[in-house]
Amino acid sequence: MFKPENSNAEASDSGATTGDAHAAGDNPIVDYDKIAADVADTYTSARDALGRATVNLSIVANDRDGYQDIVTPDGHIDVPLFNVWFTQDDKDEIAERAVAYYRAADSYKEYVQGTMQYFKDSMAASTTFALITEVHRLTHQEDEAGALLRDLRERESGLTITVCPYSSNIYSFTADDAQSSADKRALLDQANDRLCAAMKHYDREAAELMLTRFFEKEADEWERPYSLHSLNVNSLPTVSDAESDNNMRASESQFCTVDTMLTRHFYVEARSRLSEAISNASKNMQSRLENANK
């Protein structure tokens, strides 16, 4: 059975541990399961919004390519047949609506690209909050694994979270002082199994966003296979601080989701007006061609 070798480990538990400020005072109990469920929902909402934004950008790009085969952004009609058989009034209307469409497409693209940054920030904050909360849970458990984590945390070599975005086990506890004992290694493995299970929703993309946007690490520190980054447990933000950041980022993400729907309306309307103008001109051209062949 493991017994802490550092006699001050338990006594100092109310000080340097990640998230103790959240668990102290008027809120002595952290509802870990509720936090985990809520933050997973927040992460999923931001991830799905990012996915929709990516799809919307693809749609705009495809639309734009299609219209550019007919009319340029400055309103010039490139199809010879249309140039010959469209009336000047039809050409003028198409040109006017084309300019408006391309302007709307550019604005929508720029706006969506901007909102994607907020979605990524929300995903990063949620991943960070989930990780910090689970570290807090595991380091406060009243079992041998929890006692080991608290003991390792107080040692000079410390306790770290290793983040390996390209690994099957992205998040894990590591500690040099745990390698000297089979019992300690087994308990650390037990804690890592729990950590991996809790963080299973947060994949490589989530880990990379967390490292770059929350911990401000450079991409070249982990972009190669088998690369990793270590986070000192004693240097992690508190649960309360991570929660505040997560809530702020979630609010920004939700606002962008609603506002994007409104902005998309203007793009769709401009696209519809251009399509209508081209369709009407084509019908008029077809009628004139039929009459010319009678």
Protein backbone atom coordinates (compact mmCIF):
# COMPACT_ATOMS: atom_id res chain seq x y z
CA MET A 1 0.00 0.00 0.00
CA PHE A 2 1.29 3.48 -0.90
CA LYS A 3 1.94 5.96 1.91
CA PRO A 4 2.99 9.56 1.17
CA GLU A 5 6.66 10.07 1.88
CA ASN A 6 6.22 13.83 2.16
CA SER A 7 4.63 14.47 5.57
CA ASN A 8 3.59 17.96 4.46
CA ALA A 9 1.71 16.78 1.41
CA GLU A 10 -1.68 16.57 3.08
CA ALA A 11 -1.17 19.69 5.15
CA SER A 12 -0.35 21.78 2.11
CA ASP A 13 -3.26 20.44 0.09
CA SER A 14 -5.35 23.56 0.62
CA GLY A 15 -2.69 25.81 -0.88
CA ALA A 16 -1.03 25.13 -4.20
CA THR A 17 -3.42 22.59 -5.64
CA THR A 18 -5.07 23.46 -8.92
CA GLY A 19 -8.57 24.80 -8.38
CA ASP A 20 -8.62 24.93 -4.57
CA ALA A 21 -10.00 28.47 -4.71
CA HIS A 22 -13.08 27.10 -6.41
CA ALA A 23 -13.60 24.44 -3.75
CA ALA A 24 -13.06 26.68 -0.75
CA GLY A 25 -15.25 29.09 1.16
CA ASP A 26 -18.96 28.99 0.39
CA ASN A 27 -18.54 26.26 -2.24
CA PRO A 28 -16.69 23.43 -0.46
CA ILE A 29 -17.88 20.76 -2.92
CA VAL A 30 -17.11 20.72 -6.63
CA ASP A 31 -19.76 18.91 -8.68
CA TYR A 32 -17.27 17.30 -11.04
CA ASP A 33 -19.80 15.28 -13.02
CA LYS A 34 -21.98 18.32 -13.74
CA ILE A 35 -18.96 20.39 -14.74
CA ALA A 36 -17.75 17.61 -17.03
CA ALA A 37 -21.15 17.30 -18.71
CA ASP A 38 -21.61 21.06 -19.10
CA VAL A 39 -18.14 21.70 -20.48
CA ALA A 40 -18.51 18.79 -22.91
CA ASP A 41 -21.72 20.39 -24.21
CA THR A 42 -19.97 23.74 -24.55
CA TYR A 43 -17.08 22.17 -26.42
CA THR A 44 -19.39 20.22 -28.71
CA SER A 45 -21.45 23.31 -29.52
CA ALA A 46 -18.35 25.30 -30.48
CA ARG A 47 -16.89 22.40 -32.46
CA ASP A 48 -20.15 21.93 -34.37
CA ALA A 49 -20.36 25.67 -35.04
CA LEU A 50 -16.80 25.56 -36.38
CA GLY A 51 -17.76 22.66 -38.62
CA ARG A 52 -20.78 24.52 -39.97
CA ALA A 53 -18.65 27.59 -40.60
CA THR A 54 -16.18 25.50 -42.58
CA VAL A 55 -19.01 24.06 -44.66
CA ASN A 56 -20.47 27.52 -45.24
CA LEU A 57 -17.13 28.83 -46.49
CA SER A 58 -16.97 25.89 -48.91
CA ILE A 59 -20.47 26.65 -50.16
CA VAL A 60 -19.62 30.31 -50.71
CA ALA A 61 -16.44 29.35 -52.58
CA ASN A 62 -18.35 26.95 -54.84
CA ASP A 63 -21.11 29.50 -55.44
CA ARG A 64 -18.57 32.13 -56.30
CA ASP A 65 -16.74 29.86 -58.74
CA GLY A 66 -20.02 29.08 -60.46
CA TYR A 67 -21.08 32.69 -60.86
CA GLN A 68 -17.63 33.76 -62.04
CA ASP A 69 -18.10 31.46 -65.04
CA ILE A 70 -20.97 33.76 -66.02
CA VAL A 71 -20.25 37.21 -64.66
CA THR A 72 -17.13 38.78 -63.14
CA PRO A 73 -17.05 40.70 -59.83
CA ASP A 74 -17.13 43.98 -61.76
CA GLY A 75 -20.29 42.92 -63.60
CA HIS A 76 -18.81 41.89 -66.98
CA ILE A 77 -20.60 38.94 -68.62
CA ASP A 78 -18.04 36.43 -69.89
CA VAL A 79 -20.33 34.03 -71.78
CA PRO A 80 -20.32 35.02 -75.50
CA LEU A 81 -23.83 33.69 -76.12
CA PHE A 82 -25.21 35.74 -73.24
CA ASN A 83 -23.36 38.84 -74.44
CA VAL A 84 -25.04 38.52 -77.81
CA TRP A 85 -28.58 37.58 -76.78
CA PHE A 86 -29.08 39.24 -73.40
CA THR A 87 -30.70 42.66 -73.67
CA GLN A 88 -28.81 45.66 -72.32
CA ASP A 89 -31.37 46.02 -69.56
CA ASP A 90 -30.80 42.40 -68.55
CA LYS A 91 -27.02 42.92 -68.64
CA ASP A 92 -27.29 46.05 -66.50
CA GLU A 93 -29.45 44.29 -63.92
CA ILE A 94 -27.13 41.29 -63.78
CA ALA A 95 -24.11 43.59 -63.43
CA GLU A 96 -25.72 45.50 -60.58
CA ARG A 97 -26.75 42.36 -58.74
CA ALA A 98 -23.38 40.70 -59.41
CA VAL A 99 -21.50 43.56 -57.77
CA ALA A 100 -23.84 43.32 -54.78
CA TYR A 101 -23.45 39.53 -54.64
CA TYR A 102 -19.67 39.54 -54.70
CA ARG A 103 -19.59 42.25 -52.07
CA ALA A 104 -21.93 40.19 -49.87
CA ALA A 105 -19.87 37.04 -50.50
CA ASP A 106 -16.65 38.78 -49.51
CA SER A 107 -18.23 40.24 -46.37
CA TYR A 108 -19.76 36.94 -45.37
CA LYS A 109 -16.49 35.07 -45.93
CA GLU A 110 -14.56 37.61 -43.87
CA TYR A 111 -17.12 37.51 -41.09
CA VAL A 112 -17.28 33.72 -40.95
CA GLN A 113 -13.50 33.47 -40.85
CA GLY A 114 -13.57 35.88 -37.91
CA THR A 115 -16.21 33.86 -36.03
CA MET A 116 -14.17 30.72 -36.51
CA GLN A 117 -11.52 32.21 -34.26
CA TYR A 118 -14.10 32.62 -31.50
CA PHE A 119 -15.27 29.03 -31.95
CA LYS A 120 -11.66 27.83 -31.69
CA ASP A 121 -11.11 29.97 -28.59
CA SER A 122 -14.20 28.39 -27.01
CA MET A 123 -12.98 24.90 -27.85
CA ALA A 124 -9.58 25.70 -26.33
CA ALA A 125 -11.13 27.11 -23.16
CA SER A 126 -13.46 24.13 -22.77
CA THR A 127 -10.62 21.66 -23.22
CA THR A 128 -8.57 23.53 -20.64
CA PHE A 129 -11.49 23.66 -18.19
CA ALA A 130 -12.17 19.94 -18.64
CA LEU A 131 -8.51 19.06 -18.07
CA ILE A 132 -8.07 21.29 -15.02
CA THR A 133 -11.30 20.05 -13.46
CA GLU A 134 -10.30 16.42 -13.91
CA VAL A 135 -6.82 17.06 -12.50
CA HIS A 136 -8.49 18.67 -9.50
CA ARG A 137 -10.83 15.71 -9.10
CA LEU A 138 -8.04 13.14 -9.26
CA THR A 139 -5.66 15.01 -6.95
CA HIS A 140 -8.42 15.33 -4.35
CA GLN A 141 -9.63 11.73 -4.38
CA GLU A 142 -9.41 9.97 -1.03
CA ASP A 143 -7.72 6.84 -2.30
CA GLU A 144 -4.18 5.64 -2.85
CA ALA A 145 -3.96 7.11 -6.35
CA GLY A 146 -5.09 10.51 -5.07
CA ALA A 147 -2.61 10.35 -2.19
CA LEU A 148 0.19 9.53 -4.62
CA LEU A 149 -0.70 12.44 -6.90
CA ARG A 150 -0.71 14.84 -3.96
CA ASP A 151 2.62 13.49 -2.75
CA LEU A 152 4.21 13.76 -6.19
CA ARG A 153 2.86 17.26 -6.62
CA GLU A 154 4.70 18.44 -3.52
CA ARG A 155 8.05 16.96 -4.51
CA GLU A 156 10.83 19.04 -6.00
CA SER A 157 10.61 17.26 -9.37
CA GLY A 158 6.86 17.87 -9.31
CA LEU A 159 3.87 16.35 -11.08
CA THR A 160 3.17 17.24 -14.68
CA ILE A 161 0.48 16.73 -17.28
CA THR A 162 1.98 15.58 -20.55
CA VAL A 163 0.01 16.55 -23.65
CA CYS A 164 0.82 14.50 -26.76
CA PRO A 165 -1.59 15.54 -29.55
CA TYR A 166 -0.46 12.72 -31.85
CA SER A 167 -0.66 9.98 -29.22
CA SER A 168 -3.57 7.64 -28.57
CA ASN A 169 -3.34 8.77 -24.92
CA ILE A 170 -3.15 12.52 -25.41
CA TYR A 171 -3.29 13.52 -21.74
CA SER A 172 -1.33 11.80 -18.96
CA PHE A 173 0.27 12.38 -15.57
CA THR A 174 4.05 12.03 -15.48
CA ALA A 175 6.44 12.20 -12.55
CA ASP A 176 10.06 11.14 -12.31
CA ASP A 177 9.65 10.17 -8.65
CA ALA A 178 6.99 7.59 -9.53
CA GLN A 179 9.33 5.48 -11.63
CA SER A 180 11.27 4.05 -8.70
CA SER A 181 8.42 1.87 -7.43
CA ALA A 182 6.16 -0.65 -9.14
CA ASP A 183 3.35 0.29 -6.74
CA LYS A 184 3.68 3.96 -7.62
CA ARG A 185 3.75 3.21 -11.34
CA ALA A 186 0.62 1.09 -11.00
CA LEU A 187 -1.21 3.86 -9.12
CA LEU A 188 -0.07 6.45 -11.65
CA ASP A 189 -1.34 4.21 -14.45
CA GLN A 190 -4.65 3.98 -12.62
CA ALA A 191 -4.89 7.76 -12.42
CA ASN A 192 -3.99 8.04 -16.10
CA ASP A 193 -6.71 5.59 -17.07
CA ARG A 194 -9.23 7.82 -15.29
CA LEU A 195 -7.78 10.94 -16.88
CA CYS A 196 -7.91 9.45 -20.38
CA ALA A 197 -11.51 8.32 -19.87
CA ALA A 198 -12.54 11.79 -18.70
CA MET A 199 -10.76 13.51 -21.61
CA LYS A 200 -11.86 11.12 -24.37
CA HIS A 201 -13.97 13.82 -26.08
CA TYR A 202 -11.00 16.15 -26.48
CA ASP A 203 -9.04 14.97 -29.49
CA ARG A 204 -5.86 16.13 -31.20
CA GLU A 205 -7.51 19.28 -32.52
CA ALA A 206 -8.73 20.14 -29.02
CA ALA A 207 -5.28 19.55 -27.54
CA GLU A 208 -3.58 21.71 -30.15
CA LEU A 209 -6.08 24.52 -29.70
CA MET A 210 -5.62 24.37 -25.94
CA LEU A 211 -1.83 24.52 -26.20
CA THR A 212 -1.76 27.40 -28.69
CA ARG A 213 -4.66 29.53 -27.52
CA PHE A 214 -4.67 28.99 -23.75
CA PHE A 215 -1.10 28.09 -22.86
CA GLU A 216 0.37 30.09 -25.77
CA LYS A 217 2.70 27.36 -26.97
CA GLU A 218 4.24 27.46 -30.43
CA ALA A 219 2.93 24.89 -32.92
CA ASP A 220 6.40 23.64 -33.78
CA GLU A 221 6.70 22.34 -30.21
CA TRP A 222 4.34 19.44 -30.95
CA GLU A 223 3.49 19.37 -34.66
CA ARG A 224 5.89 16.47 -35.25
CA PRO A 225 4.74 12.92 -34.43
CA TYR A 226 5.64 11.82 -30.89
CA SER A 227 6.26 15.41 -29.80
CA LEU A 228 4.76 16.50 -26.48
CA HIS A 229 4.41 19.36 -24.04
CA SER A 230 4.46 19.22 -20.24
CA LEU A 231 2.28 21.34 -17.97
CA ASN A 232 3.28 21.62 -14.32
CA VAL A 233 0.26 20.76 -12.17
CA ASN A 234 1.16 23.41 -9.60
CA SER A 235 1.24 26.07 -12.33
CA LEU A 236 -2.19 25.33 -13.77
CA PRO A 237 -4.97 27.91 -13.34
CA THR A 238 -7.59 27.27 -10.68
CA VAL A 239 -10.85 25.58 -11.55
CA SER A 240 -12.59 28.89 -10.89
CA ASP A 241 -10.35 30.82 -13.30
CA ALA A 242 -10.70 28.15 -15.99
CA GLU A 243 -14.47 28.18 -15.51
CA SER A 244 -14.66 31.97 -15.88
CA ASP A 245 -12.66 31.87 -19.09
CA ASN A 246 -14.76 29.01 -20.42
CA ASN A 247 -18.01 30.86 -19.71
CA MET A 248 -16.76 34.02 -21.39
CA ARG A 249 -15.58 32.15 -24.49
CA ALA A 250 -18.83 30.18 -24.61
CA SER A 251 -20.87 33.40 -24.58
CA GLU A 252 -18.78 34.83 -27.42
CA SER A 253 -19.21 31.62 -29.40
CA GLN A 254 -22.98 31.57 -28.90
CA PHE A 255 -23.28 35.21 -29.95
CA CYS A 256 -21.28 34.50 -33.12
CA THR A 257 -23.51 31.53 -33.90
CA VAL A 258 -26.63 33.70 -33.79
CA ASP A 259 -25.03 36.64 -35.57
CA THR A 260 -23.67 34.39 -38.32
CA MET A 261 -27.21 33.25 -39.09
CA LEU A 262 -28.26 36.88 -39.53
CA THR A 263 -25.22 37.68 -41.67
CA ARG A 264 -25.83 34.58 -43.78
CA HIS A 265 -29.32 35.90 -44.59
CA PHE A 266 -27.82 38.91 -46.41
CA TYR A 267 -25.53 36.64 -48.43
CA VAL A 268 -28.35 34.26 -49.35
CA GLU A 269 -30.56 37.17 -50.38
CA ALA A 270 -27.84 38.66 -52.62
CA ARG A 271 -27.22 35.25 -54.18
CA SER A 272 -30.92 34.75 -54.83
CA ARG A 273 -31.25 38.14 -56.47
CA LEU A 274 -28.34 37.44 -58.81
CA SER A 275 -29.65 33.98 -59.66
CA GLU A 276 -33.07 35.47 -60.38
CA ALA A 277 -31.60 38.09 -62.71
CA ILE A 278 -29.59 35.48 -64.64
CA SER A 279 -32.60 33.14 -64.80
CA ASN A 280 -34.92 35.89 -66.09
CA ALA A 281 -32.37 36.98 -68.70
CA SER A 282 -31.93 33.35 -69.82
CA LYS A 283 -35.68 32.91 -70.21
CA ASN A 284 -35.92 36.10 -72.23
CA MET A 285 -32.99 34.94 -74.40
CA GLN A 286 -34.63 31.54 -74.96
CA SER A 287 -37.84 33.21 -76.04
CA ARG A 288 -36.01 35.43 -78.52
CA LEU A 289 -34.08 32.46 -79.89
CA GLU A 290 -37.27 30.50 -80.39
CA ASN A 291 -38.88 33.41 -82.18
CA ALA A 292 -35.80 33.85 -84.38
CA ASN A 293 -36.05 30.23 -85.50
CA LYS A 294 -39.70 30.39 -86.50
